[in-house]
Amino acid sequence: MMKSSNTRANNLEVVRQWALKQFSLGHSSIHGPDHWEKVYENGVMLAGKTSGADVLVVKLFSLLHDCRRENNHYDPDHGRRAAENLEQINEELLHLSDDQLALLEQACAGHADGFTSSNPTIGCCWDADRLELPRAGIKPKARFLSTAAARKLI
């Protein structure tokens, strides 16, 4: 049974609230909810311009990718920590297929490792986050972007 877009929006808010409970750095963190919102906007835009991208996975990535950060500086395992919980919360909160869950896990786990991806969904996730690097004083470089849509923006 397909869920209405309103139900999906409500589910995204529940996921956002769950992510906020996991996030220990506070609302004003450079990796906090304001960042998640910008990654969400970037991701939706990129997914709309990238054939084969799963926009729901991209939206969920934006809310979850940084929720397990332990500090605002060097925290190379934060994406892997975020990915660790996804299978546990899938049935209750995410409602993803096995394939979608695998994509979300891979996107969260690897988003801070500096790689690119030929998978359109993972590429949109990673690029949506990387387009936000100027907030930290870093200019995104084309060689670290996976999608043509993101490369056109820089």
N, C-alpha and C. Protein backbone atom coordinates (compact mmCIF):
# COMPACT_ATOMS: atom_id res chain seq x y z
N MET A 1 0.84 -1.18 0.00
CA MET A 1 0.00 0.00 0.00
C MET A 1 0.89 1.25 0.00
N MET A 2 0.65 2.15 -0.92
CA MET A 2 1.42 3.40 -0.98
C MET A 2 0.93 4.36 0.09
N LYS A 3 1.87 5.04 0.67
CA LYS A 3 1.51 6.06 1.65
C LYS A 3 1.36 7.39 0.94
N SER A 4 0.47 8.20 1.45
CA SER A 4 0.31 9.52 0.85
C SER A 4 1.53 10.38 1.14
N SER A 5 1.71 11.43 0.36
CA SER A 5 2.86 12.31 0.59
C SER A 5 2.75 12.97 1.95
N ASN A 6 1.53 13.23 2.44
CA ASN A 6 1.36 13.82 3.76
C ASN A 6 1.84 12.85 4.84
N THR A 7 1.53 11.57 4.69
CA THR A 7 2.00 10.57 5.65
C THR A 7 3.51 10.50 5.61
N ARG A 8 4.09 10.52 4.43
CA ARG A 8 5.56 10.51 4.31
C ARG A 8 6.16 11.72 5.00
N ALA A 9 5.54 12.89 4.81
CA ALA A 9 6.04 14.10 5.47
C ALA A 9 5.97 13.95 6.98
N ASN A 10 4.88 13.39 7.49
CA ASN A 10 4.76 13.15 8.93
C ASN A 10 5.82 12.19 9.41
N ASN A 11 6.07 11.13 8.63
CA ASN A 11 7.11 10.16 8.99
C ASN A 11 8.48 10.82 9.01
N LEU A 12 8.75 11.73 8.07
CA LEU A 12 10.04 12.43 8.06
C LEU A 12 10.20 13.27 9.32
N GLU A 13 9.12 13.87 9.79
CA GLU A 13 9.21 14.66 11.02
C GLU A 13 9.48 13.75 12.22
N VAL A 14 8.90 12.56 12.24
CA VAL A 14 9.18 11.61 13.31
C VAL A 14 10.65 11.19 13.27
N VAL A 15 11.17 10.95 12.09
CA VAL A 15 12.60 10.60 11.94
C VAL A 15 13.46 11.77 12.39
N ARG A 16 13.09 12.97 12.03
CA ARG A 16 13.85 14.16 12.45
C ARG A 16 13.88 14.25 13.97
N GLN A 17 12.75 14.04 14.60
CA GLN A 17 12.70 14.10 16.07
C GLN A 17 13.57 13.00 16.69
N TRP A 18 13.56 11.81 16.09
CA TRP A 18 14.42 10.73 16.58
C TRP A 18 15.89 11.14 16.46
N ALA A 19 16.25 11.71 15.30
CA ALA A 19 17.63 12.13 15.07
C ALA A 19 18.06 13.20 16.07
N LEU A 20 17.17 14.12 16.36
CA LEU A 20 17.49 15.17 17.35
C LEU A 20 17.77 14.57 18.73
N LYS A 21 17.06 13.51 19.08
CA LYS A 21 17.31 12.86 20.37
C LYS A 21 18.68 12.18 20.40
N GLN A 22 19.16 11.75 19.25
CA GLN A 22 20.47 11.11 19.16
C GLN A 22 21.61 12.13 19.18
N PHE A 23 21.31 13.34 18.75
CA PHE A 23 22.32 14.37 18.50
C PHE A 23 22.68 15.09 19.80
N SER A 24 23.91 14.95 20.23
CA SER A 24 24.33 15.49 21.53
C SER A 24 24.99 16.85 21.46
N LEU A 25 25.14 17.42 20.27
CA LEU A 25 25.93 18.65 20.13
C LEU A 25 25.10 19.94 20.17
N GLY A 26 23.80 19.83 20.23
CA GLY A 26 22.96 21.02 20.35
C GLY A 26 22.53 21.60 19.02
N HIS A 27 21.45 22.36 19.08
CA HIS A 27 20.83 22.91 17.86
C HIS A 27 21.73 23.89 17.12
N SER A 28 22.64 24.55 17.81
CA SER A 28 23.48 25.54 17.14
C SER A 28 24.76 24.95 16.55
N SER A 29 24.95 23.66 16.66
CA SER A 29 26.13 22.99 16.10
C SER A 29 26.20 23.18 14.59
N ILE A 30 27.42 23.32 14.09
CA ILE A 30 27.65 23.42 12.65
C ILE A 30 27.18 22.16 11.91
N HIS A 31 27.02 21.07 12.64
CA HIS A 31 26.56 19.80 12.07
C HIS A 31 25.12 19.48 12.48
N GLY A 32 24.41 20.46 13.01
CA GLY A 32 23.09 20.24 13.56
C GLY A 32 21.93 20.44 12.59
N PRO A 33 20.75 20.66 13.15
CA PRO A 33 19.51 20.71 12.36
C PRO A 33 19.50 21.73 11.23
N ASP A 34 20.15 22.88 11.39
CA ASP A 34 20.19 23.84 10.28
C ASP A 34 20.96 23.23 9.09
N HIS A 35 22.05 22.55 9.41
CA HIS A 35 22.82 21.86 8.37
C HIS A 35 21.98 20.76 7.72
N TRP A 36 21.27 19.99 8.52
CA TRP A 36 20.44 18.91 7.98
C TRP A 36 19.42 19.47 6.99
N GLU A 37 18.83 20.62 7.34
CA GLU A 37 17.82 21.22 6.46
C GLU A 37 18.43 21.63 5.13
N LYS A 38 19.63 22.19 5.16
CA LYS A 38 20.28 22.58 3.90
C LYS A 38 20.68 21.37 3.08
N VAL A 39 21.14 20.31 3.74
CA VAL A 39 21.45 19.07 3.02
C VAL A 39 20.17 18.50 2.41
N TYR A 40 19.06 18.58 3.13
CA TYR A 40 17.76 18.13 2.63
C TYR A 40 17.41 18.89 1.34
N GLU A 41 17.51 20.22 1.38
CA GLU A 41 17.18 21.03 0.21
C GLU A 41 18.11 20.70 -0.96
N ASN A 42 19.40 20.61 -0.68
CA ASN A 42 20.35 20.25 -1.73
C ASN A 42 20.03 18.89 -2.31
N GLY A 43 19.76 17.93 -1.43
CA GLY A 43 19.51 16.56 -1.86
C GLY A 43 18.27 16.42 -2.73
N VAL A 44 17.19 17.09 -2.33
CA VAL A 44 15.96 17.03 -3.12
C VAL A 44 16.21 17.64 -4.51
N MET A 45 16.93 18.76 -4.54
CA MET A 45 17.24 19.40 -5.82
C MET A 45 18.10 18.48 -6.68
N LEU A 46 19.16 17.91 -6.11
CA LEU A 46 20.04 17.02 -6.87
C LEU A 46 19.32 15.78 -7.35
N ALA A 47 18.50 15.17 -6.48
CA ALA A 47 17.76 13.97 -6.86
C ALA A 47 16.80 14.26 -8.02
N GLY A 48 16.25 15.47 -8.05
CA GLY A 48 15.36 15.85 -9.15
C GLY A 48 16.08 16.00 -10.48
N LYS A 49 17.39 16.15 -10.42
CA LYS A 49 18.19 16.33 -11.63
C LYS A 49 19.07 15.12 -11.94
N THR A 50 18.92 14.05 -11.16
CA THR A 50 19.78 12.88 -11.30
C THR A 50 18.92 11.65 -11.53
N SER A 51 19.00 11.09 -12.71
CA SER A 51 18.21 9.93 -13.08
C SER A 51 18.54 8.74 -12.17
N GLY A 52 17.50 8.12 -11.64
CA GLY A 52 17.66 6.92 -10.84
C GLY A 52 17.87 7.17 -9.35
N ALA A 53 17.92 8.42 -8.92
CA ALA A 53 18.11 8.71 -7.50
C ALA A 53 16.80 8.48 -6.74
N ASP A 54 16.92 7.88 -5.57
CA ASP A 54 15.76 7.62 -4.70
C ASP A 54 15.63 8.80 -3.73
N VAL A 55 14.67 9.67 -3.99
CA VAL A 55 14.54 10.90 -3.20
C VAL A 55 14.23 10.62 -1.73
N LEU A 56 13.50 9.56 -1.43
CA LEU A 56 13.21 9.26 -0.02
C LEU A 56 14.50 8.92 0.73
N VAL A 57 15.35 8.12 0.14
CA VAL A 57 16.62 7.79 0.78
C VAL A 57 17.45 9.05 0.96
N VAL A 58 17.46 9.92 -0.03
CA VAL A 58 18.21 11.17 0.06
C VAL A 58 17.67 12.04 1.20
N LYS A 59 16.37 12.12 1.33
CA LYS A 59 15.76 12.91 2.41
C LYS A 59 16.13 12.33 3.77
N LEU A 60 16.05 11.02 3.90
CA LEU A 60 16.39 10.39 5.18
C LEU A 60 17.87 10.57 5.50
N PHE A 61 18.73 10.47 4.51
CA PHE A 61 20.15 10.72 4.71
C PHE A 61 20.37 12.10 5.33
N SER A 62 19.69 13.09 4.80
CA SER A 62 19.89 14.46 5.29
C SER A 62 19.60 14.57 6.79
N LEU A 63 18.64 13.83 7.26
CA LEU A 63 18.25 13.89 8.67
C LEU A 63 19.13 13.04 9.57
N LEU A 64 19.76 12.02 9.01
CA LEU A 64 20.43 11.02 9.84
C LEU A 64 21.95 11.02 9.76
N HIS A 65 22.53 11.56 8.71
CA HIS A 65 23.96 11.36 8.45
C HIS A 65 24.88 11.89 9.55
N ASP A 66 24.50 12.94 10.23
CA ASP A 66 25.35 13.53 11.27
C ASP A 66 24.79 13.38 12.67
N CYS A 67 23.71 12.64 12.83
CA CYS A 67 23.03 12.60 14.13
C CYS A 67 23.84 11.92 15.24
N ARG A 68 24.86 11.19 14.90
CA ARG A 68 25.66 10.49 15.91
C ARG A 68 27.05 11.10 16.07
N ARG A 69 27.23 12.34 15.64
CA ARG A 69 28.51 13.02 15.83
C ARG A 69 28.78 13.19 17.31
N GLU A 70 30.05 13.06 17.66
CA GLU A 70 30.45 13.24 19.06
C GLU A 70 31.14 14.58 19.29
N ASN A 71 31.54 15.24 18.21
CA ASN A 71 32.13 16.58 18.32
C ASN A 71 31.99 17.29 16.98
N ASN A 72 32.31 18.58 16.98
CA ASN A 72 32.19 19.39 15.77
C ASN A 72 33.45 19.41 14.94
N HIS A 73 34.45 18.67 15.34
CA HIS A 73 35.74 18.73 14.66
C HIS A 73 36.01 17.39 13.97
N TYR A 74 37.06 16.74 14.32
CA TYR A 74 37.45 15.48 13.67
C TYR A 74 36.71 14.32 14.32
N ASP A 75 35.84 13.70 13.58
CA ASP A 75 35.04 12.57 14.06
C ASP A 75 34.81 11.62 12.88
N PRO A 76 35.87 10.92 12.45
CA PRO A 76 35.78 10.14 11.21
C PRO A 76 34.79 8.98 11.24
N ASP A 77 34.35 8.54 12.39
CA ASP A 77 33.44 7.39 12.47
C ASP A 77 31.98 7.78 12.67
N HIS A 78 31.68 9.07 12.63
CA HIS A 78 30.30 9.47 12.92
C HIS A 78 29.29 8.91 11.91
N GLY A 79 29.66 8.81 10.66
CA GLY A 79 28.75 8.26 9.66
C GLY A 79 28.50 6.78 9.87
N ARG A 80 29.55 6.06 10.25
CA ARG A 80 29.37 4.64 10.54
C ARG A 80 28.49 4.43 11.78
N ARG A 81 28.65 5.31 12.77
CA ARG A 81 27.78 5.22 13.96
C ARG A 81 26.33 5.48 13.57
N ALA A 82 26.10 6.45 12.69
CA ALA A 82 24.73 6.73 12.24
C ALA A 82 24.15 5.53 11.51
N ALA A 83 24.96 4.88 10.70
CA ALA A 83 24.48 3.72 9.93
C ALA A 83 24.17 2.51 10.81
N GLU A 84 24.83 2.40 11.95
CA GLU A 84 24.65 1.24 12.83
C GLU A 84 23.21 1.07 13.31
N ASN A 85 22.49 2.15 13.50
CA ASN A 85 21.13 2.08 14.06
C ASN A 85 20.03 1.88 13.03
N LEU A 86 20.36 2.01 11.78
CA LEU A 86 19.32 2.09 10.76
C LEU A 86 18.49 0.82 10.65
N GLU A 87 19.13 -0.31 10.69
CA GLU A 87 18.36 -1.56 10.60
C GLU A 87 17.40 -1.68 11.78
N GLN A 88 17.82 -1.26 12.96
CA GLN A 88 16.99 -1.36 14.16
C GLN A 88 15.76 -0.46 14.08
N ILE A 89 15.91 0.71 13.46
CA ILE A 89 14.78 1.65 13.42
C ILE A 89 13.98 1.55 12.13
N ASN A 90 14.40 0.72 11.20
CA ASN A 90 13.73 0.68 9.91
C ASN A 90 12.26 0.31 10.02
N GLU A 91 11.95 -0.75 10.70
CA GLU A 91 10.55 -1.22 10.74
C GLU A 91 9.63 -0.20 11.40
N GLU A 92 10.10 0.42 12.46
CA GLU A 92 9.26 1.35 13.21
C GLU A 92 9.21 2.75 12.61
N LEU A 93 10.36 3.22 12.10
CA LEU A 93 10.44 4.63 11.69
C LEU A 93 10.64 4.86 10.20
N LEU A 94 11.50 4.09 9.57
CA LEU A 94 11.92 4.41 8.21
C LEU A 94 11.04 3.79 7.14
N HIS A 95 10.66 2.53 7.32
CA HIS A 95 9.78 1.82 6.39
C HIS A 95 10.39 1.70 5.00
N LEU A 96 11.68 1.33 4.96
CA LEU A 96 12.39 1.19 3.69
C LEU A 96 12.44 -0.27 3.25
N SER A 97 12.54 -0.47 1.95
CA SER A 97 12.80 -1.81 1.43
C SER A 97 14.24 -2.19 1.80
N ASP A 98 14.57 -3.44 1.62
CA ASP A 98 15.95 -3.88 1.91
C ASP A 98 16.96 -3.12 1.05
N ASP A 99 16.63 -2.91 -0.22
CA ASP A 99 17.54 -2.18 -1.12
C ASP A 99 17.71 -0.73 -0.68
N GLN A 100 16.61 -0.08 -0.32
CA GLN A 100 16.70 1.31 0.14
C GLN A 100 17.50 1.41 1.43
N LEU A 101 17.27 0.48 2.34
CA LEU A 101 18.00 0.48 3.61
C LEU A 101 19.50 0.31 3.36
N ALA A 102 19.86 -0.58 2.46
CA ALA A 102 21.28 -0.79 2.14
C ALA A 102 21.90 0.49 1.57
N LEU A 103 21.17 1.19 0.72
CA LEU A 103 21.68 2.45 0.17
C LEU A 103 21.86 3.50 1.26
N LEU A 104 20.89 3.61 2.15
CA LEU A 104 20.97 4.59 3.23
C LEU A 104 22.13 4.27 4.17
N GLU A 105 22.29 2.99 4.48
CA GLU A 105 23.41 2.59 5.34
C GLU A 105 24.75 2.94 4.69
N GLN A 106 24.89 2.63 3.41
CA GLN A 106 26.14 2.92 2.72
C GLN A 106 26.38 4.42 2.62
N ALA A 107 25.33 5.18 2.33
CA ALA A 107 25.47 6.63 2.22
C ALA A 107 25.90 7.25 3.55
N CYS A 108 25.25 6.86 4.63
CA CYS A 108 25.60 7.40 5.95
C CYS A 108 27.01 6.97 6.34
N ALA A 109 27.30 5.69 6.21
CA ALA A 109 28.59 5.16 6.67
C ALA A 109 29.76 5.80 5.94
N GLY A 110 29.62 6.07 4.66
CA GLY A 110 30.76 6.53 3.87
C GLY A 110 30.80 8.00 3.53
N HIS A 111 29.86 8.78 4.04
CA HIS A 111 29.75 10.16 3.56
C HIS A 111 30.94 11.05 3.92
N ALA A 112 31.69 10.72 4.93
CA ALA A 112 32.81 11.57 5.35
C ALA A 112 34.16 11.02 4.91
N ASP A 113 34.16 9.99 4.07
CA ASP A 113 35.42 9.33 3.69
C ASP A 113 36.09 9.92 2.46
N GLY A 114 35.43 10.86 1.78
CA GLY A 114 36.06 11.54 0.66
C GLY A 114 35.95 10.84 -0.68
N PHE A 115 35.13 9.80 -0.76
CA PHE A 115 34.97 9.08 -2.01
C PHE A 115 33.81 9.66 -2.82
N THR A 116 33.73 9.26 -4.07
CA THR A 116 32.56 9.54 -4.89
C THR A 116 31.86 8.21 -5.16
N SER A 117 30.64 8.29 -5.70
CA SER A 117 29.88 7.07 -5.97
C SER A 117 29.21 7.18 -7.34
N SER A 118 29.20 6.07 -8.05
CA SER A 118 28.48 6.02 -9.32
C SER A 118 27.00 5.70 -9.11
N ASN A 119 26.63 5.32 -7.88
CA ASN A 119 25.22 5.09 -7.58
C ASN A 119 24.53 6.45 -7.47
N PRO A 120 23.46 6.67 -8.22
CA PRO A 120 22.85 8.01 -8.22
C PRO A 120 22.31 8.44 -6.86
N THR A 121 21.78 7.53 -6.08
CA THR A 121 21.24 7.89 -4.77
C THR A 121 22.35 8.26 -3.80
N ILE A 122 23.35 7.41 -3.72
CA ILE A 122 24.47 7.69 -2.82
C ILE A 122 25.20 8.96 -3.27
N GLY A 123 25.38 9.12 -4.56
CA GLY A 123 26.01 10.32 -5.08
C GLY A 123 25.26 11.58 -4.68
N CYS A 124 23.93 11.55 -4.79
CA CYS A 124 23.14 12.72 -4.39
C CYS A 124 23.28 12.99 -2.89
N CYS A 125 23.29 11.94 -2.10
CA CYS A 125 23.45 12.11 -0.64
C CYS A 125 24.78 12.79 -0.34
N TRP A 126 25.85 12.22 -0.84
CA TRP A 126 27.18 12.75 -0.54
C TRP A 126 27.36 14.16 -1.09
N ASP A 127 26.86 14.40 -2.29
CA ASP A 127 27.00 15.73 -2.88
C ASP A 127 26.17 16.76 -2.13
N ALA A 128 24.98 16.38 -1.68
CA ALA A 128 24.14 17.31 -0.92
C ALA A 128 24.87 17.79 0.33
N ASP A 129 25.60 16.90 0.97
CA ASP A 129 26.38 17.26 2.15
C ASP A 129 27.60 18.09 1.76
N ARG A 130 28.28 17.70 0.71
CA ARG A 130 29.51 18.40 0.30
C ARG A 130 29.23 19.80 -0.22
N LEU A 131 28.06 20.02 -0.78
CA LEU A 131 27.71 21.37 -1.21
C LEU A 131 27.55 22.31 -0.02
N GLU A 132 27.49 21.75 1.16
CA GLU A 132 27.39 22.52 2.40
C GLU A 132 28.75 22.82 3.03
N LEU A 133 29.83 22.37 2.43
CA LEU A 133 31.17 22.59 3.00
C LEU A 133 31.54 24.07 3.19
N PRO A 134 31.03 24.99 2.38
CA PRO A 134 31.39 26.39 2.62
C PRO A 134 31.04 26.88 4.04
N ARG A 135 30.07 26.26 4.70
CA ARG A 135 29.74 26.66 6.08
C ARG A 135 30.94 26.45 7.00
N ALA A 136 31.85 25.55 6.60
CA ALA A 136 33.05 25.27 7.39
C ALA A 136 34.28 25.91 6.75
N GLY A 137 34.06 26.81 5.79
CA GLY A 137 35.17 27.49 5.15
C GLY A 137 35.89 26.67 4.10
N ILE A 138 35.25 25.63 3.59
CA ILE A 138 35.86 24.75 2.59
C ILE A 138 35.07 24.86 1.29
N LYS A 139 35.78 25.13 0.20
CA LYS A 139 35.13 25.19 -1.11
C LYS A 139 35.07 23.78 -1.69
N PRO A 140 33.86 23.32 -2.07
CA PRO A 140 33.75 21.99 -2.68
C PRO A 140 34.57 21.91 -3.98
N LYS A 141 35.18 20.75 -4.19
CA LYS A 141 35.96 20.52 -5.41
C LYS A 141 35.23 19.50 -6.28
N ALA A 142 35.23 19.78 -7.58
CA ALA A 142 34.50 18.92 -8.52
C ALA A 142 34.94 17.46 -8.43
N ARG A 143 36.21 17.21 -8.18
CA ARG A 143 36.68 15.82 -8.16
C ARG A 143 36.09 15.01 -7.00
N PHE A 144 35.52 15.71 -6.00
CA PHE A 144 34.90 15.03 -4.87
C PHE A 144 33.38 14.99 -4.97
N LEU A 145 32.84 15.38 -6.12
CA LEU A 145 31.40 15.36 -6.33
C LEU A 145 31.04 14.23 -7.29
N SER A 146 29.97 13.56 -6.98
CA SER A 146 29.54 12.38 -7.74
C SER A 146 28.60 12.69 -8.88
N THR A 147 27.82 13.74 -8.77
CA THR A 147 26.77 13.99 -9.76
C THR A 147 27.11 15.19 -10.65
N ALA A 148 26.65 15.09 -11.88
CA ALA A 148 26.83 16.20 -12.82
C ALA A 148 26.09 17.43 -12.31
N ALA A 149 24.93 17.22 -11.71
CA ALA A 149 24.13 18.35 -11.20
C ALA A 149 24.91 19.13 -10.14
N ALA A 150 25.60 18.46 -9.25
CA ALA A 150 26.39 19.15 -8.21
C ALA A 150 27.60 19.84 -8.82
N ARG A 151 28.25 19.18 -9.76
CA ARG A 151 29.43 19.80 -10.39
C ARG A 151 29.06 21.09 -11.13
N LYS A 152 27.86 21.16 -11.69
CA LYS A 152 27.42 22.37 -12.37
C LYS A 152 27.23 23.53 -11.41
N LEU A 153 27.00 23.24 -10.14
CA LEU A 153 26.72 24.28 -9.16
C LEU A 153 27.97 24.96 -8.61
N ILE A 154 29.12 24.32 -8.77
CA ILE A 154 30.32 24.92 -8.16
C ILE A 154 31.15 25.69 -9.16
